[in-house]
């Protein structure tokens, strides 16, 4: 159904093809892995 993929997207282990994920109002792609 996509459950694991969604969880992996939430910590940027996989990238969303479209749309956005925000962590504390900031795009998750702007954060370093650390």
ModelCIF file with pLDDT and N, C-alpha, C, O atoms, coordinates in Angstrom:
data_MODEL
#
_entry.id   MODEL 
#
_entity.id                         1 
_entity.type                       polymer 
_entity.pdbx_number_of_molecules   1 
#
_entity_poly.entity_id                      1 
_entity_poly.type                           'polypeptide(L)' 
_entity_poly.nstd_linkage                   no 
_entity_poly.nstd_monomer                   no 
_entity_poly.pdbx_seq_one_letter_code       
;(UNK)(UNK)(UNK)(UNK)(UNK)(UNK)(UNK)(UNK)(UNK)(UNK)(UNK)(UNK)(UNK)(UNK)(UNK)(UNK)
(UNK)(UNK)(UNK)(UNK)(UNK)(UNK)(UNK)(UNK)(UNK)(UNK)(UNK)(UNK)(UNK)(UNK)(UNK)(UNK)
(UNK)(UNK)
;
_entity_poly.pdbx_seq_one_letter_code_can   XXXXXXXXXXXXXXXXXXXXXXXXXXXXXXXXXX 
_entity_poly.pdbx_strand_id                 A 
#
loop_
_entity_poly_seq.entity_id 
_entity_poly_seq.num 
_entity_poly_seq.mon_id 
_entity_poly_seq.hetero 
1 1  UNK n 
1 2  UNK n 
1 3  UNK n 
1 4  UNK n 
1 5  UNK n 
1 6  UNK n 
1 7  UNK n 
1 8  UNK n 
1 9  UNK n 
1 10 UNK n 
1 11 UNK n 
1 12 UNK n 
1 13 UNK n 
1 14 UNK n 
1 15 UNK n 
1 16 UNK n 
1 17 UNK n 
1 18 UNK n 
1 19 UNK n 
1 20 UNK n 
1 21 UNK n 
1 22 UNK n 
1 23 UNK n 
1 24 UNK n 
1 25 UNK n 
1 26 UNK n 
1 27 UNK n 
1 28 UNK n 
1 29 UNK n 
1 30 UNK n 
1 31 UNK n 
1 32 UNK n 
1 33 UNK n 
1 34 UNK n 
#
_struct_asym.id          A 
_struct_asym.entity_id   1 
#
loop_
_ma_qa_metric.id 
_ma_qa_metric.mode 
_ma_qa_metric.name 
_ma_qa_metric.software_group_id 
_ma_qa_metric.type 
1 global pLDDT . pLDDT 
2 local  pLDDT . pLDDT 
#
_ma_qa_metric_global.metric_id      1 
_ma_qa_metric_global.metric_value   94.26 
_ma_qa_metric_global.model_id       1 
_ma_qa_metric_global.ordinal_id     1 
#
loop_
_ma_qa_metric_local.label_asym_id 
_ma_qa_metric_local.label_comp_id 
_ma_qa_metric_local.label_seq_id 
_ma_qa_metric_local.metric_id 
_ma_qa_metric_local.metric_value 
_ma_qa_metric_local.model_id 
_ma_qa_metric_local.ordinal_id 
A UNK 1  2 96.00 1 1  
A UNK 2  2 96.00 1 2  
A UNK 3  2 96.00 1 3  
A UNK 4  2 95.00 1 4  
A UNK 5  2 96.00 1 5  
A UNK 6  2 97.00 1 6  
A UNK 7  2 96.00 1 7  
A UNK 8  2 95.00 1 8  
A UNK 9  2 96.00 1 9  
A UNK 10 2 96.00 1 10 
A UNK 11 2 93.00 1 11 
A UNK 12 2 93.00 1 12 
A UNK 13 2 93.00 1 13 
A UNK 14 2 93.00 1 14 
A UNK 15 2 92.00 1 15 
A UNK 16 2 94.00 1 16 
A UNK 17 2 94.00 1 17 
A UNK 18 2 96.00 1 18 
A UNK 19 2 96.00 1 19 
A UNK 20 2 96.00 1 20 
A UNK 21 2 97.00 1 21 
A UNK 22 2 96.00 1 22 
A UNK 23 2 95.00 1 23 
A UNK 24 2 93.00 1 24 
A UNK 25 2 92.00 1 25 
A UNK 26 2 94.00 1 26 
A UNK 27 2 95.00 1 27 
A UNK 28 2 95.00 1 28 
A UNK 29 2 92.00 1 29 
A UNK 30 2 94.00 1 30 
A UNK 31 2 93.00 1 31 
A UNK 32 2 92.00 1 32 
A UNK 33 2 90.00 1 33 
A UNK 34 2 88.00 1 34 
#
loop_
_atom_site.group_PDB 
_atom_site.id 
_atom_site.type_symbol 
_atom_site.label_atom_id 
_atom_site.label_alt_id 
_atom_site.label_comp_id 
_atom_site.label_asym_id 
_atom_site.label_entity_id 
_atom_site.label_seq_id 
_atom_site.pdbx_PDB_ins_code 
_atom_site.Cartn_x 
_atom_site.Cartn_y 
_atom_site.Cartn_z 
_atom_site.occupancy 
_atom_site.B_iso_or_equiv 
_atom_site.pdbx_formal_charge 
_atom_site.auth_seq_id 
_atom_site.auth_comp_id 
_atom_site.auth_asym_id 
_atom_site.auth_atom_id 
_atom_site.pdbx_PDB_model_num 
ATOM 1   N N  . UNK A 1 1  ? 0.812  -1.219 0.000  1.00 96.00 ? 1  UNK A N  1 
ATOM 2   C CA . UNK A 1 1  ? 0.000  0.000  0.000  1.00 96.00 ? 1  UNK A CA 1 
ATOM 3   C C  . UNK A 1 1  ? 0.843  1.267  0.000  1.00 96.00 ? 1  UNK A C  1 
ATOM 4   O O  . UNK A 1 1  ? 0.338  2.347  -0.307 1.00 96.00 ? 1  UNK A O  1 
ATOM 5   N N  . UNK A 1 2  ? 2.145  1.145  0.347  1.00 96.00 ? 2  UNK A N  1 
ATOM 6   C CA . UNK A 1 2  ? 3.022  2.309  0.358  1.00 96.00 ? 2  UNK A CA 1 
ATOM 7   C C  . UNK A 1 2  ? 3.403  2.787  1.743  1.00 96.00 ? 2  UNK A C  1 
ATOM 8   O O  . UNK A 1 2  ? 3.941  3.885  1.887  1.00 96.00 ? 2  UNK A O  1 
ATOM 9   N N  . UNK A 1 3  ? 3.136  1.985  2.774  1.00 96.00 ? 3  UNK A N  1 
ATOM 10  C CA . UNK A 1 3  ? 3.380  2.415  4.153  1.00 96.00 ? 3  UNK A CA 1 
ATOM 11  C C  . UNK A 1 3  ? 4.868  2.676  4.407  1.00 96.00 ? 3  UNK A C  1 
ATOM 12  O O  . UNK A 1 3  ? 5.243  3.742  4.894  1.00 96.00 ? 3  UNK A O  1 
ATOM 13  N N  . UNK A 1 4  ? 5.707  1.698  4.075  1.00 95.00 ? 4  UNK A N  1 
ATOM 14  C CA . UNK A 1 4  ? 7.144  1.856  4.321  1.00 95.00 ? 4  UNK A CA 1 
ATOM 15  C C  . UNK A 1 4  ? 7.725  2.982  3.483  1.00 95.00 ? 4  UNK A C  1 
ATOM 16  O O  . UNK A 1 4  ? 8.586  3.725  3.955  1.00 95.00 ? 4  UNK A O  1 
ATOM 17  N N  . UNK A 1 5  ? 7.269  3.118  2.255  1.00 96.00 ? 5  UNK A N  1 
ATOM 18  C CA . UNK A 1 5  ? 7.752  4.211  1.413  1.00 96.00 ? 5  UNK A CA 1 
ATOM 19  C C  . UNK A 1 5  ? 7.400  5.564  2.015  1.00 96.00 ? 5  UNK A C  1 
ATOM 20  O O  . UNK A 1 5  ? 8.213  6.488  1.982  1.00 96.00 ? 5  UNK A O  1 
ATOM 21  N N  . UNK A 1 6  ? 6.205  5.686  2.561  1.00 97.00 ? 6  UNK A N  1 
ATOM 22  C CA . UNK A 1 6  ? 5.809  6.943  3.188  1.00 97.00 ? 6  UNK A CA 1 
ATOM 23  C C  . UNK A 1 6  ? 6.702  7.255  4.392  1.00 97.00 ? 6  UNK A C  1 
ATOM 24  O O  . UNK A 1 6  ? 7.167  8.385  4.541  1.00 97.00 ? 6  UNK A O  1 
ATOM 25  N N  . UNK A 1 7  ? 6.942  6.271  5.240  1.00 96.00 ? 7  UNK A N  1 
ATOM 26  C CA . UNK A 1 7  ? 7.807  6.490  6.399  1.00 96.00 ? 7  UNK A CA 1 
ATOM 27  C C  . UNK A 1 7  ? 9.215  6.877  5.954  1.00 96.00 ? 7  UNK A C  1 
ATOM 28  O O  . UNK A 1 7  ? 9.841  7.746  6.561  1.00 96.00 ? 7  UNK A O  1 
ATOM 29  N N  . UNK A 1 8  ? 9.714  6.236  4.898  1.00 95.00 ? 8  UNK A N  1 
ATOM 30  C CA . UNK A 1 8  ? 11.061 6.561  4.408  1.00 95.00 ? 8  UNK A CA 1 
ATOM 31  C C  . UNK A 1 8  ? 11.098 7.962  3.804  1.00 95.00 ? 8  UNK A C  1 
ATOM 32  O O  . UNK A 1 8  ? 12.123 8.641  3.871  1.00 95.00 ? 8  UNK A O  1 
ATOM 33  N N  . UNK A 1 9  ? 10.004 8.387  3.225  1.00 96.00 ? 9  UNK A N  1 
ATOM 34  C CA . UNK A 1 9  ? 9.950  9.760  2.696  1.00 96.00 ? 9  UNK A CA 1 
ATOM 35  C C  . UNK A 1 9  ? 9.965  10.785 3.816  1.00 96.00 ? 9  UNK A C  1 
ATOM 36  O O  . UNK A 1 9  ? 10.477 11.891 3.642  1.00 96.00 ? 9  UNK A O  1 
ATOM 37  N N  . UNK A 1 10 ? 9.407  10.423 4.969  1.00 96.00 ? 10 UNK A N  1 
ATOM 38  C CA . UNK A 1 10 ? 9.309  11.369 6.074  1.00 96.00 ? 10 UNK A CA 1 
ATOM 39  C C  . UNK A 1 10 ? 10.666 11.753 6.647  1.00 96.00 ? 10 UNK A C  1 
ATOM 40  O O  . UNK A 1 10 ? 10.802 12.821 7.243  1.00 96.00 ? 10 UNK A O  1 
ATOM 41  N N  . UNK A 1 11 ? 11.682 10.889 6.475  1.00 93.00 ? 11 UNK A N  1 
ATOM 42  C CA . UNK A 1 11 ? 13.016 11.264 6.951  1.00 93.00 ? 11 UNK A CA 1 
ATOM 43  C C  . UNK A 1 11 ? 14.002 11.408 5.787  1.00 93.00 ? 11 UNK A C  1 
ATOM 44  O O  . UNK A 1 11 ? 15.218 11.358 5.967  1.00 93.00 ? 11 UNK A O  1 
ATOM 45  N N  . UNK A 1 12 ? 13.442 11.587 4.599  1.00 93.00 ? 12 UNK A N  1 
ATOM 46  C CA . UNK A 1 12 ? 14.204 11.849 3.381  1.00 93.00 ? 12 UNK A CA 1 
ATOM 47  C C  . UNK A 1 12 ? 15.094 10.686 2.957  1.00 93.00 ? 12 UNK A C  1 
ATOM 48  O O  . UNK A 1 12 ? 16.077 10.888 2.244  1.00 93.00 ? 12 UNK A O  1 
ATOM 49  N N  . UNK A 1 13 ? 14.757 9.461  3.391  1.00 93.00 ? 13 UNK A N  1 
ATOM 50  C CA . UNK A 1 13 ? 15.468 8.288  2.895  1.00 93.00 ? 13 UNK A CA 1 
ATOM 51  C C  . UNK A 1 13 ? 15.104 8.040  1.438  1.00 93.00 ? 13 UNK A C  1 
ATOM 52  O O  . UNK A 1 13 ? 15.903 7.486  0.684  1.00 93.00 ? 13 UNK A O  1 
ATOM 53  N N  . UNK A 1 14 ? 13.905 8.447  1.038  1.00 93.00 ? 14 UNK A N  1 
ATOM 54  C CA . UNK A 1 14 ? 13.513 8.496  -0.369 1.00 93.00 ? 14 UNK A CA 1 
ATOM 55  C C  . UNK A 1 14 ? 12.962 9.894  -0.625 1.00 93.00 ? 14 UNK A C  1 
ATOM 56  O O  . UNK A 1 14 ? 12.461 10.559 0.281  1.00 93.00 ? 14 UNK A O  1 
ATOM 57  N N  . UNK A 1 15 ? 13.065 10.318 -1.868 1.00 92.00 ? 15 UNK A N  1 
ATOM 58  C CA . UNK A 1 15 ? 12.626 11.666 -2.220 1.00 92.00 ? 15 UNK A CA 1 
ATOM 59  C C  . UNK A 1 15 ? 11.250 11.645 -2.865 1.00 92.00 ? 15 UNK A C  1 
ATOM 60  O O  . UNK A 1 15 ? 10.930 10.767 -3.666 1.00 92.00 ? 15 UNK A O  1 
ATOM 61  N N  . UNK A 1 16 ? 10.446 12.630 -2.498 1.00 94.00 ? 16 UNK A N  1 
ATOM 62  C CA . UNK A 1 16 ? 9.144  12.781 -3.145 1.00 94.00 ? 16 UNK A CA 1 
ATOM 63  C C  . UNK A 1 16 ? 9.340  13.297 -4.563 1.00 94.00 ? 16 UNK A C  1 
ATOM 64  O O  . UNK A 1 16 ? 10.173 14.170 -4.807 1.00 94.00 ? 16 UNK A O  1 
ATOM 65  N N  . UNK A 1 17 ? 8.568  12.751 -5.494 1.00 94.00 ? 17 UNK A N  1 
ATOM 66  C CA . UNK A 1 17 ? 8.642  13.196 -6.882 1.00 94.00 ? 17 UNK A CA 1 
ATOM 67  C C  . UNK A 1 17 ? 7.939  14.522 -7.086 1.00 94.00 ? 17 UNK A C  1 
ATOM 68  O O  . UNK A 1 17 ? 8.291  15.290 -7.982 1.00 94.00 ? 17 UNK A O  1 
ATOM 69  N N  . UNK A 1 18 ? 6.946  14.791 -6.254 1.00 96.00 ? 18 UNK A N  1 
ATOM 70  C CA . UNK A 1 18 ? 6.248  16.075 -6.274 1.00 96.00 ? 18 UNK A CA 1 
ATOM 71  C C  . UNK A 1 18 ? 5.630  16.300 -4.904 1.00 96.00 ? 18 UNK A C  1 
ATOM 72  O O  . UNK A 1 18 ? 5.596  15.394 -4.072 1.00 96.00 ? 18 UNK A O  1 
ATOM 73  N N  . UNK A 1 19 ? 5.141  17.517 -4.674 1.00 96.00 ? 19 UNK A N  1 
ATOM 74  C CA . UNK A 1 19 ? 4.632  17.881 -3.366 1.00 96.00 ? 19 UNK A CA 1 
ATOM 75  C C  . UNK A 1 19 ? 5.773  18.281 -2.450 1.00 96.00 ? 19 UNK A C  1 
ATOM 76  O O  . UNK A 1 19 ? 6.903  18.457 -2.905 1.00 96.00 ? 19 UNK A O  1 
ATOM 77  N N  . UNK A 1 20 ? 5.487  18.426 -1.156 1.00 96.00 ? 20 UNK A N  1 
ATOM 78  C CA . UNK A 1 20 ? 6.527  18.854 -0.232 1.00 96.00 ? 20 UNK A CA 1 
ATOM 79  C C  . UNK A 1 20 ? 6.309  18.270 1.153  1.00 96.00 ? 20 UNK A C  1 
ATOM 80  O O  . UNK A 1 20 ? 5.187  17.966 1.557  1.00 96.00 ? 20 UNK A O  1 
ATOM 81  N N  . UNK A 1 21 ? 7.417  18.124 1.867  1.00 97.00 ? 21 UNK A N  1 
ATOM 82  C CA . UNK A 1 21 ? 7.405  17.692 3.257  1.00 97.00 ? 21 UNK A CA 1 
ATOM 83  C C  . UNK A 1 21 ? 8.108  18.767 4.069  1.00 97.00 ? 21 UNK A C  1 
ATOM 84  O O  . UNK A 1 21 ? 9.235  19.156 3.763  1.00 97.00 ? 21 UNK A O  1 
ATOM 85  N N  . UNK A 1 22 ? 7.428  19.245 5.114  1.00 96.00 ? 22 UNK A N  1 
ATOM 86  C CA . UNK A 1 22 ? 7.956  20.318 5.933  1.00 96.00 ? 22 UNK A CA 1 
ATOM 87  C C  . UNK A 1 22 ? 8.219  19.808 7.350  1.00 96.00 ? 22 UNK A C  1 
ATOM 88  O O  . UNK A 1 22 ? 7.367  19.153 7.951  1.00 96.00 ? 22 UNK A O  1 
ATOM 89  N N  . UNK A 1 23 ? 9.391  20.111 7.870  1.00 95.00 ? 23 UNK A N  1 
ATOM 90  C CA . UNK A 1 23 ? 9.746  19.812 9.248  1.00 95.00 ? 23 UNK A CA 1 
ATOM 91  C C  . UNK A 1 23 ? 9.885  21.138 9.976  1.00 95.00 ? 23 UNK A C  1 
ATOM 92  O O  . UNK A 1 23 ? 10.787 21.925 9.692  1.00 95.00 ? 23 UNK A O  1 
ATOM 93  N N  . UNK A 1 24 ? 8.981  21.375 10.919 1.00 93.00 ? 24 UNK A N  1 
ATOM 94  C CA . UNK A 1 24 ? 8.925  22.664 11.624 1.00 93.00 ? 24 UNK A CA 1 
ATOM 95  C C  . UNK A 1 24 ? 8.851  23.837 10.648 1.00 93.00 ? 24 UNK A C  1 
ATOM 96  O O  . UNK A 1 24 ? 9.506  24.864 10.830 1.00 93.00 ? 24 UNK A O  1 
ATOM 97  N N  . UNK A 1 25 ? 8.035  23.655 9.605  1.00 92.00 ? 25 UNK A N  1 
ATOM 98  C CA . UNK A 1 25 ? 7.785  24.728 8.650  1.00 92.00 ? 25 UNK A CA 1 
ATOM 99  C C  . UNK A 1 25 ? 8.850  24.916 7.591  1.00 92.00 ? 25 UNK A C  1 
ATOM 100 O O  . UNK A 1 25 ? 8.735  25.810 6.753  1.00 92.00 ? 25 UNK A O  1 
ATOM 101 N N  . UNK A 1 26 ? 9.877  24.098 7.609  1.00 94.00 ? 26 UNK A N  1 
ATOM 102 C CA . UNK A 1 26 ? 10.987 24.222 6.652  1.00 94.00 ? 26 UNK A CA 1 
ATOM 103 C C  . UNK A 1 26 ? 11.046 22.969 5.791  1.00 94.00 ? 26 UNK A C  1 
ATOM 104 O O  . UNK A 1 26 ? 10.891 21.858 6.298  1.00 94.00 ? 26 UNK A O  1 
ATOM 105 N N  . UNK A 1 27 ? 11.271 23.142 4.481  1.00 95.00 ? 27 UNK A N  1 
ATOM 106 C CA . UNK A 1 27 ? 11.337 21.988 3.586  1.00 95.00 ? 27 UNK A CA 1 
ATOM 107 C C  . UNK A 1 27 ? 12.400 21.012 4.058  1.00 95.00 ? 27 UNK A C  1 
ATOM 108 O O  . UNK A 1 27 ? 13.516 21.406 4.399  1.00 95.00 ? 27 UNK A O  1 
ATOM 109 N N  . UNK A 1 28 ? 12.042 19.729 4.076  1.00 95.00 ? 28 UNK A N  1 
ATOM 110 C CA . UNK A 1 28 ? 12.961 18.739 4.628  1.00 95.00 ? 28 UNK A CA 1 
ATOM 111 C C  . UNK A 1 28 ? 14.233 18.624 3.791  1.00 95.00 ? 28 UNK A C  1 
ATOM 112 O O  . UNK A 1 28 ? 15.281 18.240 4.309  1.00 95.00 ? 28 UNK A O  1 
ATOM 113 N N  . UNK A 1 29 ? 14.149 18.951 2.508  1.00 92.00 ? 29 UNK A N  1 
ATOM 114 C CA . UNK A 1 29 ? 15.330 18.912 1.655  1.00 92.00 ? 29 UNK A CA 1 
ATOM 115 C C  . UNK A 1 29 ? 16.359 19.968 2.002  1.00 92.00 ? 29 UNK A C  1 
ATOM 116 O O  . UNK A 1 29 ? 17.498 19.896 1.540  1.00 92.00 ? 29 UNK A O  1 
ATOM 117 N N  . UNK A 1 30 ? 15.979 20.946 2.807  1.00 94.00 ? 30 UNK A N  1 
ATOM 118 C CA . UNK A 1 30 ? 16.907 22.000 3.211  1.00 94.00 ? 30 UNK A CA 1 
ATOM 119 C C  . UNK A 1 30 ? 17.727 21.603 4.434  1.00 94.00 ? 30 UNK A C  1 
ATOM 120 O O  . UNK A 1 30 ? 18.680 22.296 4.791  1.00 94.00 ? 30 UNK A O  1 
ATOM 121 N N  . UNK A 1 31 ? 17.366 20.494 5.078  1.00 93.00 ? 31 UNK A N  1 
ATOM 122 C CA . UNK A 1 31 ? 18.106 20.018 6.239  1.00 93.00 ? 31 UNK A CA 1 
ATOM 123 C C  . UNK A 1 31 ? 19.241 19.096 5.796  1.00 93.00 ? 31 UNK A C  1 
ATOM 124 O O  . UNK A 1 31 ? 19.117 18.394 4.792  1.00 93.00 ? 31 UNK A O  1 
ATOM 125 N N  . UNK A 1 32 ? 20.340 19.097 6.542  1.00 92.00 ? 32 UNK A N  1 
ATOM 126 C CA . UNK A 1 32 ? 21.400 18.115 6.314  1.00 92.00 ? 32 UNK A CA 1 
ATOM 127 C C  . UNK A 1 32 ? 20.951 16.773 6.874  1.00 92.00 ? 32 UNK A C  1 
ATOM 128 O O  . UNK A 1 32 ? 19.995 16.705 7.647  1.00 92.00 ? 32 UNK A O  1 
ATOM 129 N N  . UNK A 1 33 ? 21.644 15.702 6.480  1.00 90.00 ? 33 UNK A N  1 
ATOM 130 C CA . UNK A 1 33 ? 21.304 14.383 7.007  1.00 90.00 ? 33 UNK A CA 1 
ATOM 131 C C  . UNK A 1 33 ? 21.468 14.360 8.534  1.00 90.00 ? 33 UNK A C  1 
ATOM 132 O O  . UNK A 1 33 ? 20.668 13.744 9.238  1.00 90.00 ? 33 UNK A O  1 
ATOM 133 N N  . UNK A 1 34 ? 22.482 15.019 9.026  1.00 88.00 ? 34 UNK A N  1 
ATOM 134 C CA . UNK A 1 34 ? 22.706 15.057 10.477 1.00 88.00 ? 34 UNK A CA 1 
ATOM 135 C C  . UNK A 1 34 ? 21.594 15.810 11.183 1.00 88.00 ? 34 UNK A C  1 
ATOM 136 O O  . UNK A 1 34 ? 21.618 15.941 12.407 1.00 88.00 ? 34 UNK A O  1 
#
